[in-house]
Amino acid sequence: MTPTPEPYARLAALAEAERDHAVAGRIDELRDVQAQRAALVAALPAEAPESARPHLLRAAAAQADVTAALASAMRAARADAMRVEQGRTAVAAYRPAAPVAPGIAHRR
């Protein structure tokens, strides 16, 4: 007996939900959907029936969008972290010099 395409339609719908959450930056919701997808994939047979093809193509397209959205978010987070680090470096230049002798605080 060949499996029906319903689980594959569900897989495509989950991939599209992942895409929507990734694009919107809803990481907690994205993780929930990813867990649902992982459970569904674990229950699928090793080889999909031909009737699943359109659903798998939808899922693959949505997954490519998820990957692109997450890569873009990572680049933005990295840029933010670099700006914070550069700001720390700039602020450190205004820090008073160390005391002349250990244990003696600089007074103004």
C-alpha atoms as a PDB file:
ATOM      1  CA  MET A   1       0.000   0.000   0.000  1.00  0.00           C
ATOM      2  CA  THR A   2       1.448   3.394  -0.960  1.00  0.00           C
ATOM      3  CA  PRO A   3       1.180   6.268   1.508  1.00  0.00           C
ATOM      4  CA  THR A   4      -1.325   9.006   0.792  1.00  0.00           C
ATOM      5  CA  PRO A   5      -0.063  12.522   0.061  1.00  0.00           C
ATOM      6  CA  GLU A   6      -1.712  14.041   3.182  1.00  0.00           C
ATOM      7  CA  PRO A   7       1.414  13.937   5.371  1.00  0.00           C
ATOM      8  CA  TYR A   8       3.362  15.504   2.534  1.00  0.00           C
ATOM      9  CA  ALA A   9       0.802  18.284   2.207  1.00  0.00           C
ATOM     10  CA  ARG A  10       1.214  18.823   5.958  1.00  0.00           C
ATOM     11  CA  LEU A  11       4.983  18.896   5.494  1.00  0.00           C
ATOM     12  CA  ALA A  12       4.651  21.611   2.852  1.00  0.00           C
ATOM     13  CA  ALA A  13       2.306  23.609   5.082  1.00  0.00           C
ATOM     14  CA  LEU A  14       4.767  23.361   7.980  1.00  0.00           C
ATOM     15  CA  ALA A  15       7.641  24.482   5.745  1.00  0.00           C
ATOM     16  CA  GLU A  16       5.577  27.483   4.647  1.00  0.00           C
ATOM     17  CA  ALA A  17       4.765  28.292   8.285  1.00  0.00           C
ATOM     18  CA  GLU A  18       8.497  28.077   9.068  1.00  0.00           C
ATOM     19  CA  ARG A  19       9.167  30.508   6.237  1.00  0.00           C
ATOM     20  CA  ASP A  20       6.556  32.957   7.510  1.00  0.00           C
ATOM     21  CA  HIS A  21       7.970  32.847  11.053  1.00  0.00           C
ATOM     22  CA  ALA A  22      11.574  33.168   9.850  1.00  0.00           C
ATOM     23  CA  VAL A  23      10.774  36.165   7.647  1.00  0.00           C
ATOM     24  CA  ALA A  24       8.871  37.836  10.505  1.00  0.00           C
ATOM     25  CA  GLY A  25      11.645  37.088  13.015  1.00  0.00           C
ATOM     26  CA  ARG A  26       9.396  34.992  15.257  1.00  0.00           C
ATOM     27  CA  ILE A  27      12.089  32.600  16.464  1.00  0.00           C
ATOM     28  CA  ASP A  28      10.116  30.892  19.255  1.00  0.00           C
ATOM     29  CA  GLU A  29       7.270  30.072  16.886  1.00  0.00           C
ATOM     30  CA  LEU A  30       9.798  28.940  14.281  1.00  0.00           C
ATOM     31  CA  ARG A  31      11.290  26.470  16.746  1.00  0.00           C
ATOM     32  CA  ASP A  32       7.844  25.061  17.558  1.00  0.00           C
ATOM     33  CA  VAL A  33       7.077  24.497  13.875  1.00  0.00           C
ATOM     34  CA  GLN A  34      10.512  22.959  13.317  1.00  0.00           C
ATOM     35  CA  ALA A  35       9.820  20.466  16.117  1.00  0.00           C
ATOM     36  CA  GLN A  36       6.489  19.549  14.507  1.00  0.00           C
ATOM     37  CA  ARG A  37       8.178  19.131  11.138  1.00  0.00           C
ATOM     38  CA  ALA A  38      10.933  16.941  12.594  1.00  0.00           C
ATOM     39  CA  ALA A  39       8.340  14.656  14.194  1.00  0.00           C
ATOM     40  CA  LEU A  40       6.406  14.413  10.919  1.00  0.00           C
ATOM     41  CA  VAL A  41       9.545  13.691   8.876  1.00  0.00           C
ATOM     42  CA  ALA A  42      10.563  10.959  11.326  1.00  0.00           C
ATOM     43  CA  ALA A  43       7.236   9.216  10.674  1.00  0.00           C
ATOM     44  CA  LEU A  44       7.451   9.370   6.864  1.00  0.00           C
ATOM     45  CA  PRO A  45       8.638   6.393   4.827  1.00  0.00           C
ATOM     46  CA  ALA A  46      12.152   6.453   3.404  1.00  0.00           C
ATOM     47  CA  GLU A  47      10.803   6.847  -0.126  1.00  0.00           C
ATOM     48  CA  ALA A  48       7.975   9.213  -0.974  1.00  0.00           C
ATOM     49  CA  PRO A  49       5.278   8.269  -3.467  1.00  0.00           C
ATOM     50  CA  GLU A  50       5.122  10.122  -6.778  1.00  0.00           C
ATOM     51  CA  SER A  51       1.893  11.801  -5.609  1.00  0.00           C
ATOM     52  CA  ALA A  52       3.932  13.615  -2.932  1.00  0.00           C
ATOM     53  CA  ARG A  53       6.115  15.385  -5.500  1.00  0.00           C
ATOM     54  CA  PRO A  54       4.201  18.706  -5.695  1.00  0.00           C
ATOM     55  CA  HIS A  55       4.106  18.911  -1.902  1.00  0.00           C
ATOM     56  CA  LEU A  56       7.811  18.172  -1.615  1.00  0.00           C
ATOM     57  CA  LEU A  57       8.576  20.849  -4.216  1.00  0.00           C
ATOM     58  CA  ARG A  58       6.527  23.366  -2.188  1.00  0.00           C
ATOM     59  CA  ALA A  59       8.356  22.338   0.974  1.00  0.00           C
ATOM     60  CA  ALA A  60      11.758  22.660  -0.721  1.00  0.00           C
ATOM     61  CA  ALA A  61      10.950  26.144  -2.030  1.00  0.00           C
ATOM     62  CA  ALA A  62       9.755  27.276   1.397  1.00  0.00           C
ATOM     63  CA  GLN A  63      12.851  25.765   3.024  1.00  0.00           C
ATOM     64  CA  ALA A  64      15.096  27.752   0.674  1.00  0.00           C
ATOM     65  CA  ASP A  65      13.284  30.911   1.799  1.00  0.00           C
ATOM     66  CA  VAL A  66      13.766  29.909   5.463  1.00  0.00           C
ATOM     67  CA  THR A  67      17.484  29.427   4.895  1.00  0.00           C
ATOM     68  CA  ALA A  68      17.786  32.818   3.192  1.00  0.00           C
ATOM     69  CA  ALA A  69      15.794  34.595   5.931  1.00  0.00           C
ATOM     70  CA  LEU A  70      17.869  33.035   8.708  1.00  0.00           C
ATOM     71  CA  ALA A  71      21.135  33.845   6.913  1.00  0.00           C
ATOM     72  CA  SER A  72      20.009  37.458   6.575  1.00  0.00           C
ATOM     73  CA  ALA A  73      19.073  37.599  10.267  1.00  0.00           C
ATOM     74  CA  MET A  74      22.481  36.177  11.207  1.00  0.00           C
ATOM     75  CA  ARG A  75      24.250  38.827   9.119  1.00  0.00           C
ATOM     76  CA  ALA A  76      22.206  41.561  10.814  1.00  0.00           C
ATOM     77  CA  ALA A  77      22.930  40.157  14.290  1.00  0.00           C
ATOM     78  CA  ARG A  78      26.640  39.926  13.480  1.00  0.00           C
ATOM     79  CA  ALA A  79      26.654  43.546  12.266  1.00  0.00           C
ATOM     80  CA  ASP A  80      24.881  44.650  15.462  1.00  0.00           C
ATOM     81  CA  ALA A  81      27.408  42.793  17.602  1.00  0.00           C
ATOM     82  CA  MET A  82      30.275  44.412  15.726  1.00  0.00           C
ATOM     83  CA  ARG A  83      28.755  47.872  16.283  1.00  0.00           C
ATOM     84  CA  VAL A  84      28.429  47.160  20.006  1.00  0.00           C
ATOM     85  CA  GLU A  85      32.053  46.009  20.179  1.00  0.00           C
ATOM     86  CA  GLN A  86      33.230  49.091  18.296  1.00  0.00           C
ATOM     87  CA  GLY A  87      31.237  51.250  20.705  1.00  0.00           C
ATOM     88  CA  ARG A  88      32.893  49.568  23.670  1.00  0.00           C
ATOM     89  CA  THR A  89      36.292  50.247  22.163  1.00  0.00           C
ATOM     90  CA  ALA A  90      35.419  53.905  21.641  1.00  0.00           C
ATOM     91  CA  VAL A  91      34.070  54.280  25.187  1.00  0.00           C
ATOM     92  CA  ALA A  92      37.165  52.598  26.625  1.00  0.00           C
ATOM     93  CA  ALA A  93      39.267  55.435  25.195  1.00  0.00           C
ATOM     94  CA  TYR A  94      37.524  57.780  27.657  1.00  0.00           C
ATOM     95  CA  ARG A  95      38.273  55.602  30.683  1.00  0.00           C
ATOM     96  CA  PRO A  96      40.606  57.263  33.178  1.00  0.00           C
ATOM     97  CA  ALA A  97      44.165  56.040  33.273  1.00  0.00           C
ATOM     98  CA  ALA A  98      45.136  53.464  35.878  1.00  0.00           C
ATOM     99  CA  PRO A  99      46.353  54.789  39.230  1.00  0.00           C
ATOM    100  CA  VAL A 100      50.042  55.584  39.443  1.00  0.00           C
ATOM    101  CA  ALA A 101      50.627  53.142  42.274  1.00  0.00           C
ATOM    102  CA  PRO A 102      48.602  50.025  43.072  1.00  0.00           C
ATOM    103  CA  GLY A 103      45.952  50.658  45.695  1.00  0.00           C
ATOM    104  CA  ILE A 104      45.916  54.437  45.173  1.00  0.00           C
ATOM    105  CA  ALA A 105      42.785  55.744  43.514  1.00  0.00           C
ATOM    106  CA  HIS A 106      42.916  58.663  41.140  1.00  0.00           C
ATOM    107  CA  ARG A 107      41.140  61.672  42.709  1.00  0.00           C
ATOM    108  CA  ARG A 108      39.844  64.772  41.018  1.00  0.00           C
END
